[in-house]
Each structure stands twice: as structure tokens, then as C-alpha cells.
PDB file of N, CA and C in Angstrom:
ATOM      1  N   THR A   1       0.848  -1.178   0.000  1.00  0.00           N
ATOM      2  CA  THR A   1       0.000   0.000   0.000  1.00  0.00           C
ATOM      3  C   THR A   1       0.888   1.233   0.000  1.00  0.00           C
ATOM      4  N   THR A   2       0.614   2.133  -0.909  1.00  0.00           N
ATOM      5  CA  THR A   2       1.374   3.382  -0.951  1.00  0.00           C
ATOM      6  C   THR A   2       0.550   4.559  -0.447  1.00  0.00           C
ATOM      7  N   ASP A   3      -0.778   4.466  -0.508  1.00  0.00           N
ATOM      8  CA  ASP A   3      -1.658   5.532  -0.025  1.00  0.00           C
ATOM      9  C   ASP A   3      -2.787   4.889   0.778  1.00  0.00           C
ATOM     10  N   VAL A   4      -2.609   4.809   2.093  1.00  0.00           N
ATOM     11  CA  VAL A   4      -3.567   4.118   2.958  1.00  0.00           C
ATOM     12  C   VAL A   4      -4.945   4.764   2.880  1.00  0.00           C
ATOM     13  N   ALA A   5      -5.006   6.085   2.870  1.00  0.00           N
ATOM     14  CA  ALA A   5      -6.293   6.781   2.833  1.00  0.00           C
ATOM     15  C   ALA A   5      -7.090   6.429   1.578  1.00  0.00           C
ATOM     16  N   ALA A   6      -6.419   6.239   0.466  1.00  0.00           N
ATOM     17  CA  ALA A   6      -7.103   5.935  -0.796  1.00  0.00           C
ATOM     18  C   ALA A   6      -7.707   4.529  -0.803  1.00  0.00           C
ATOM     19  N   THR A   7      -7.190   3.616   0.017  1.00  0.00           N
ATOM     20  CA  THR A   7      -7.707   2.244   0.024  1.00  0.00           C
ATOM     21  C   THR A   7      -9.020   2.127   0.790  1.00  0.00           C
ATOM     22  N   GLY A   8      -9.247   3.024   1.748  1.00  0.00           N
ATOM     23  CA  GLY A   8     -10.439   2.927   2.573  1.00  0.00           C
ATOM     24  C   GLY A   8     -10.369   1.796   3.583  1.00  0.00           C
ATOM     25  N   MET A   9      -9.171   1.231   3.798  1.00  0.00           N
ATOM     26  CA  MET A   9      -8.982   0.123   4.731  1.00  0.00           C
ATOM     27  C   MET A   9      -7.986   0.529   5.811  1.00  0.00           C
ATOM     28  N   LEU A  10      -8.062  -0.144   6.950  1.00  0.00           N
ATOM     29  CA  LEU A  10      -7.046   0.042   7.974  1.00  0.00           C
ATOM     30  C   LEU A  10      -5.748  -0.584   7.489  1.00  0.00           C
ATOM     31  N   GLY A  11      -4.634  -0.001   7.869  1.00  0.00           N
ATOM     32  CA  GLY A  11      -3.346  -0.541   7.460  1.00  0.00           C
ATOM     33  C   GLY A  11      -2.257   0.491   7.593  1.00  0.00           C
ATOM     34  N   SER A  12      -1.089   0.170   7.060  1.00  0.00           N
ATOM     35  CA  SER A  12       0.079   1.048   7.123  1.00  0.00           C
ATOM     36  C   SER A  12       0.668   1.197   5.733  1.00  0.00           C
ATOM     37  N   LYS A  13       1.329   2.309   5.518  1.00  0.00           N
ATOM     38  CA  LYS A  13       2.055   2.482   4.266  1.00  0.00           C
ATOM     39  C   LYS A  13       3.135   1.401   4.204  1.00  0.00           C
ATOM     40  N   GLY A  14       3.191   0.686   3.094  1.00  0.00           N
ATOM     41  CA  GLY A  14       4.182  -0.375   2.929  1.00  0.00           C
ATOM     42  C   GLY A  14       3.651  -1.768   3.207  1.00  0.00           C
ATOM     43  N   ASP A  15       2.407  -1.877   3.693  1.00  0.00           N
ATOM     44  CA  ASP A  15       1.870  -3.223   3.894  1.00  0.00           C
ATOM     45  C   ASP A  15       1.489  -3.833   2.549  1.00  0.00           C
ATOM     46  N   TYR A  16       1.373  -5.142   2.520  1.00  0.00           N
ATOM     47  CA  TYR A  16       0.915  -5.812   1.307  1.00  0.00           C
ATOM     48  C   TYR A  16       0.058  -7.006   1.702  1.00  0.00           C
ATOM     49  N   PHE A  17      -0.779  -7.433   0.763  1.00  0.00           N
ATOM     50  CA  PHE A  17      -1.766  -8.458   1.081  1.00  0.00           C
ATOM     51  C   PHE A  17      -2.204  -9.168  -0.187  1.00  0.00           C
ATOM     52  N   TRP A  18      -2.930 -10.273   0.011  1.00  0.00           N
ATOM     53  CA  TRP A  18      -3.450 -11.030  -1.121  1.00  0.00           C
ATOM     54  C   TRP A  18      -4.729 -11.731  -0.699  1.00  0.00           C
ATOM     55  N   SER A  19      -5.689 -11.773  -1.601  1.00  0.00           N
ATOM     56  CA  SER A  19      -6.931 -12.517  -1.387  1.00  0.00           C
ATOM     57  C   SER A  19      -6.975 -13.684  -2.358  1.00  0.00           C
ATOM     58  N   GLY A  20      -7.339 -14.849  -1.848  1.00  0.00           N
ATOM     59  CA  GLY A  20      -7.446 -16.024  -2.702  1.00  0.00           C
ATOM     60  C   GLY A  20      -8.882 -16.308  -3.120  1.00  0.00           C
ATOM     61  N   TYR A  21      -9.052 -17.253  -4.012  1.00  0.00           N
ATOM     62  CA  TYR A  21     -10.337 -17.563  -4.637  1.00  0.00           C
ATOM     63  C   TYR A  21     -11.405 -18.009  -3.640  1.00  0.00           C
ATOM     64  N   PHE A  22     -11.036 -18.762  -2.622  1.00  0.00           N
ATOM     65  CA  PHE A  22     -11.994 -19.254  -1.637  1.00  0.00           C
ATOM     66  C   PHE A  22     -11.927 -18.461  -0.338  1.00  0.00           C
ATOM     67  N   CYS A  23     -11.690 -17.170  -0.437  1.00  0.00           N
ATOM     68  CA  CYS A  23     -11.660 -16.240   0.700  1.00  0.00           C
ATOM     69  C   CYS A  23     -10.468 -16.466   1.627  1.00  0.00           C
ATOM     70  N   THR A  24      -9.384 -17.024   1.115  1.00  0.00           N
ATOM     71  CA  THR A  24      -8.147 -17.037   1.891  1.00  0.00           C
ATOM     72  C   THR A  24      -7.531 -15.649   1.774  1.00  0.00           C
ATOM     73  N   TYR A  25      -6.731 -15.280   2.753  1.00  0.00           N
ATOM     74  CA  TYR A  25      -6.249 -13.909   2.780  1.00  0.00           C
ATOM     75  C   TYR A  25      -5.017 -13.815   3.664  1.00  0.00           C
ATOM     76  N   TYR A  26      -4.068 -12.972   3.280  1.00  0.00           N
ATOM     77  CA  TYR A  26      -2.958 -12.685   4.180  1.00  0.00           C
ATOM     78  C   TYR A  26      -2.597 -11.210   4.112  1.00  0.00           C
ATOM     79  N   ILE A  27      -2.000 -10.735   5.198  1.00  0.00           N
ATOM     80  CA  ILE A  27      -1.493  -9.364   5.308  1.00  0.00           C
ATOM     81  C   ILE A  27      -0.075  -9.453   5.846  1.00  0.00           C
ATOM     82  N   VAL A  28       0.828  -8.683   5.289  1.00  0.00           N
ATOM     83  CA  VAL A  28       2.165  -8.490   5.846  1.00  0.00           C
ATOM     84  C   VAL A  28       2.326  -6.989   6.031  1.00  0.00           C
ATOM     85  N   ASP A  29       2.580  -6.576   7.265  1.00  0.00           N
ATOM     86  CA  ASP A  29       2.725  -5.159   7.582  1.00  0.00           C
ATOM     87  C   ASP A  29       4.044  -4.961   8.328  1.00  0.00           C
ATOM     88  N   PRO A  30       5.108  -4.614   7.609  1.00  0.00           N
ATOM     89  CA  PRO A  30       6.417  -4.446   8.244  1.00  0.00           C
ATOM     90  C   PRO A  30       6.431  -3.362   9.325  1.00  0.00           C
ATOM     91  N   LYS A  31       5.678  -2.293   9.141  1.00  0.00           N
ATOM     92  CA  LYS A  31       5.670  -1.198  10.125  1.00  0.00           C
ATOM     93  C   LYS A  31       5.149  -1.681  11.477  1.00  0.00           C
ATOM     94  N   GLU A  32       4.120  -2.514  11.460  1.00  0.00           N
ATOM     95  CA  GLU A  32       3.520  -3.022  12.698  1.00  0.00           C
ATOM     96  C   GLU A  32       4.138  -4.346  13.143  1.00  0.00           C
ATOM     97  N   ASN A  33       5.132  -4.850  12.386  1.00  0.00           N
ATOM     98  CA  ASN A  33       5.750  -6.145  12.684  1.00  0.00           C
ATOM     99  C   ASN A  33       4.667  -7.234  12.749  1.00  0.00           C
ATOM    100  N   LEU A  34       3.847  -7.290  11.694  1.00  0.00           N
ATOM    101  CA  LEU A  34       2.635  -8.094  11.688  1.00  0.00           C
ATOM    102  C   LEU A  34       2.553  -8.982  10.453  1.00  0.00           C
ATOM    103  N   ILE A  35       2.199 -10.236  10.677  1.00  0.00           N
ATOM    104  CA  ILE A  35       1.840 -11.157   9.600  1.00  0.00           C
ATOM    105  C   ILE A  35       0.542 -11.828  10.025  1.00  0.00           C
ATOM    106  N   THR A  36      -0.453 -11.812   9.145  1.00  0.00           N
ATOM    107  CA  THR A  36      -1.747 -12.414   9.436  1.00  0.00           C
ATOM    108  C   THR A  36      -2.148 -13.316   8.277  1.00  0.00           C
ATOM    109  N   VAL A  37      -2.648 -14.508   8.600  1.00  0.00           N
ATOM    110  CA  VAL A  37      -3.127 -15.438   7.582  1.00  0.00           C
ATOM    111  C   VAL A  37      -4.532 -15.882   7.976  1.00  0.00           C
ATOM    112  N   PHE A  38      -5.452 -15.797   7.032  1.00  0.00           N
ATOM    113  CA  PHE A  38      -6.826 -16.244   7.241  1.00  0.00           C
ATOM    114  C   PHE A  38      -7.134 -17.301   6.188  1.00  0.00           C
ATOM    115  N   MET A  39      -7.504 -18.494   6.636  1.00  0.00           N
ATOM    116  CA  MET A  39      -7.797 -19.594   5.718  1.00  0.00           C
ATOM    117  C   MET A  39      -9.278 -19.951   5.827  1.00  0.00           C
ATOM    118  N   SER A  40      -9.921 -20.119   4.686  1.00  0.00           N
ATOM    119  CA  SER A  40     -11.318 -20.538   4.670  1.00  0.00           C
ATOM    120  C   SER A  40     -11.598 -21.283   3.372  1.00  0.00           C
ATOM    121  N   GLN A  41     -12.773 -21.843   3.286  1.00  0.00           N
ATOM    122  CA  GLN A  41     -13.234 -22.512   2.074  1.00  0.00           C
ATOM    123  C   GLN A  41     -14.626 -21.976   1.763  1.00  0.00           C
ATOM    124  N   ARG A  42     -14.693 -20.698   1.426  1.00  0.00           N
ATOM    125  CA  ARG A  42     -15.970 -20.021   1.176  1.00  0.00           C
ATOM    126  C   ARG A  42     -16.104 -19.730  -0.304  1.00  0.00           C
ATOM    127  N   PHE A  43     -17.196 -20.213  -0.909  1.00  0.00           N
ATOM    128  CA  PHE A  43     -17.470 -19.912  -2.311  1.00  0.00           C
ATOM    129  C   PHE A  43     -18.938 -19.536  -2.420  1.00  0.00           C
ATOM    130  N   PRO A  44     -19.283 -18.508  -3.131  1.00  0.00           N
ATOM    131  CA  PRO A  44     -18.414 -17.660  -3.942  1.00  0.00           C
ATOM    132  C   PRO A  44     -17.634 -16.671  -3.085  1.00  0.00           C
ATOM    133  N   TYR A  45     -16.599 -16.088  -3.669  1.00  0.00           N
ATOM    134  CA  TYR A  45     -15.751 -15.127  -2.981  1.00  0.00           C
ATOM    135  C   TYR A  45     -16.574 -13.933  -2.520  1.00  0.00           C
ATOM    136  N   THR A  46     -16.262 -13.447  -1.338  1.00  0.00           N
ATOM    137  CA  THR A  46     -16.881 -12.235  -0.817  1.00  0.00           C
ATOM    138  C   THR A  46     -15.824 -11.426  -0.085  1.00  0.00           C
ATOM    139  N   ASP A  47     -15.908 -10.113  -0.165  1.00  0.00           N
ATOM    140  CA  ASP A  47     -14.973  -9.234   0.548  1.00  0.00           C
ATOM    141  C   ASP A  47     -15.283  -9.143   2.035  1.00  0.00           C
ATOM    142  N   PHE A  48     -16.430  -9.645   2.468  1.00  0.00           N
ATOM    143  CA  PHE A  48     -16.839  -9.508   3.861  1.00  0.00           C
ATOM    144  C   PHE A  48     -15.777 -10.021   4.818  1.00  0.00           C
ATOM    145  N   TYR A  49     -15.258 -11.225   4.591  1.00  0.00           N
ATOM    146  CA  TYR A  49     -14.289 -11.829   5.514  1.00  0.00           C
ATOM    147  C   TYR A  49     -12.950 -11.102   5.477  1.00  0.00           C
ATOM    148  N   ARG A  50     -12.537 -10.665   4.308  1.00  0.00           N
ATOM    149  CA  ARG A  50     -11.290  -9.904   4.183  1.00  0.00           C
ATOM    150  C   ARG A  50     -11.391  -8.604   4.969  1.00  0.00           C
ATOM    151  N   GLU A  51     -12.474  -7.885   4.780  1.00  0.00           N
ATOM    152  CA  GLU A  51     -12.650  -6.604   5.461  1.00  0.00           C
ATOM    153  C   GLU A  51     -12.782  -6.790   6.970  1.00  0.00           C
ATOM    154  N   LYS A  52     -13.537  -7.795   7.401  1.00  0.00           N
ATOM    155  CA  LYS A  52     -13.740  -8.036   8.829  1.00  0.00           C
ATOM    156  C   LYS A  52     -12.437  -8.457   9.508  1.00  0.00           C
ATOM    157  N   MET A  53     -11.670  -9.358   8.865  1.00  0.00           N
ATOM    158  CA  MET A  53     -10.409  -9.790   9.453  1.00  0.00           C
ATOM    159  C   MET A  53      -9.458  -8.612   9.607  1.00  0.00           C
ATOM    160  N   ARG A  54      -9.330  -7.821   8.559  1.00  0.00           N
ATOM    161  CA  ARG A  54      -8.425  -6.669   8.597  1.00  0.00           C
ATOM    162  C   ARG A  54      -8.847  -5.697   9.697  1.00  0.00           C
ATOM    163  N   GLN A  55     -10.137  -5.446   9.809  1.00  0.00           N
ATOM    164  CA  GLN A  55     -10.656  -4.553  10.838  1.00  0.00           C
ATOM    165  C   GLN A  55     -10.327  -5.076  12.239  1.00  0.00           C
ATOM    166  N   LEU A  56     -10.596  -6.339  12.499  1.00  0.00           N
ATOM    167  CA  LEU A  56     -10.347  -6.913  13.823  1.00  0.00           C
ATOM    168  C   LEU A  56      -8.862  -6.915  14.181  1.00  0.00           C
ATOM    169  N   VAL A  57      -8.016  -7.266  13.224  1.00  0.00           N
ATOM    170  CA  VAL A  57      -6.573  -7.319  13.485  1.00  0.00           C
ATOM    171  C   VAL A  57      -6.031  -5.932  13.813  1.00  0.00           C
ATOM    172  N   TYR A  58      -6.341  -4.944  12.997  1.00  0.00           N
ATOM    173  CA  TYR A  58      -5.789  -3.607  13.220  1.00  0.00           C
ATOM    174  C   TYR A  58      -6.394  -2.922  14.443  1.00  0.00           C
ATOM    175  N   GLN A  59      -7.637  -3.223  14.784  1.00  0.00           N
ATOM    176  CA  GLN A  59      -8.228  -2.655  15.993  1.00  0.00           C
ATOM    177  C   GLN A  59      -7.609  -3.255  17.253  1.00  0.00           C
ATOM    178  N   ALA A  60      -7.039  -4.449  17.149  1.00  0.00           N
ATOM    179  CA  ALA A  60      -6.436  -5.111  18.308  1.00  0.00           C
ATOM    180  C   ALA A  60      -5.019  -4.623  18.606  1.00  0.00           C
ATOM    181  N   ILE A  61      -4.421  -3.859  17.700  1.00  0.00           N
ATOM    182  CA  ILE A  61      -3.051  -3.374  17.909  1.00  0.00           C
ATOM    183  C   ILE A  61      -3.053  -2.278  18.965  1.00  0.00           C
ATOM    184  N   ILE A  62      -2.193  -2.447  19.950  1.00  0.00           N
ATOM    185  CA  ILE A  62      -2.041  -1.451  21.016  1.00  0.00           C
ATOM    186  C   ILE A  62      -0.709  -0.759  20.819  1.00  0.00           C
ATOM    187  N   ASP A  63      -0.742   0.547  20.657  1.00  0.00           N
ATOM    188  CA  ASP A  63       0.504   1.311  20.458  1.00  0.00           C
ATOM    189  C   ASP A  63       1.228   1.543  21.753  1.00  0.00           C
TER     190      ASP A  63
END
């Protein structure tokens, strides 16, 4: 991510992520020293789980 505000998602500049076909998902955020992996077998694909996981993970970070 180069512009966090433009994504509309929680995160840090420099993070990267990937969504898979069956709603698998990972985030790597070097700034927060964070790696997250979410595995599922959900078809059809929906952004709901990706958005919810990202929200829960970033809200749990304590500075």
C-alpha cells in the first residue's frame, strides 16, 4: 500500500496483502511487525471476511 487513505482500509504504508479464490487472505505489515493469515473454504468469494479480518486485526493493535 502506498496511499492508505485511498484504500479505505485500515493498514500502514508499505503493507501488502493477497486474497485467494476461496476467501483465503494474508497481510504483511512491516511497520507493525505483523503477519496475518486467514484460511477458509468459502465460495463464492466475498470481501466480507477480508474486510472483517483486517478490521479486527488492526483494531487489536495497542501502540
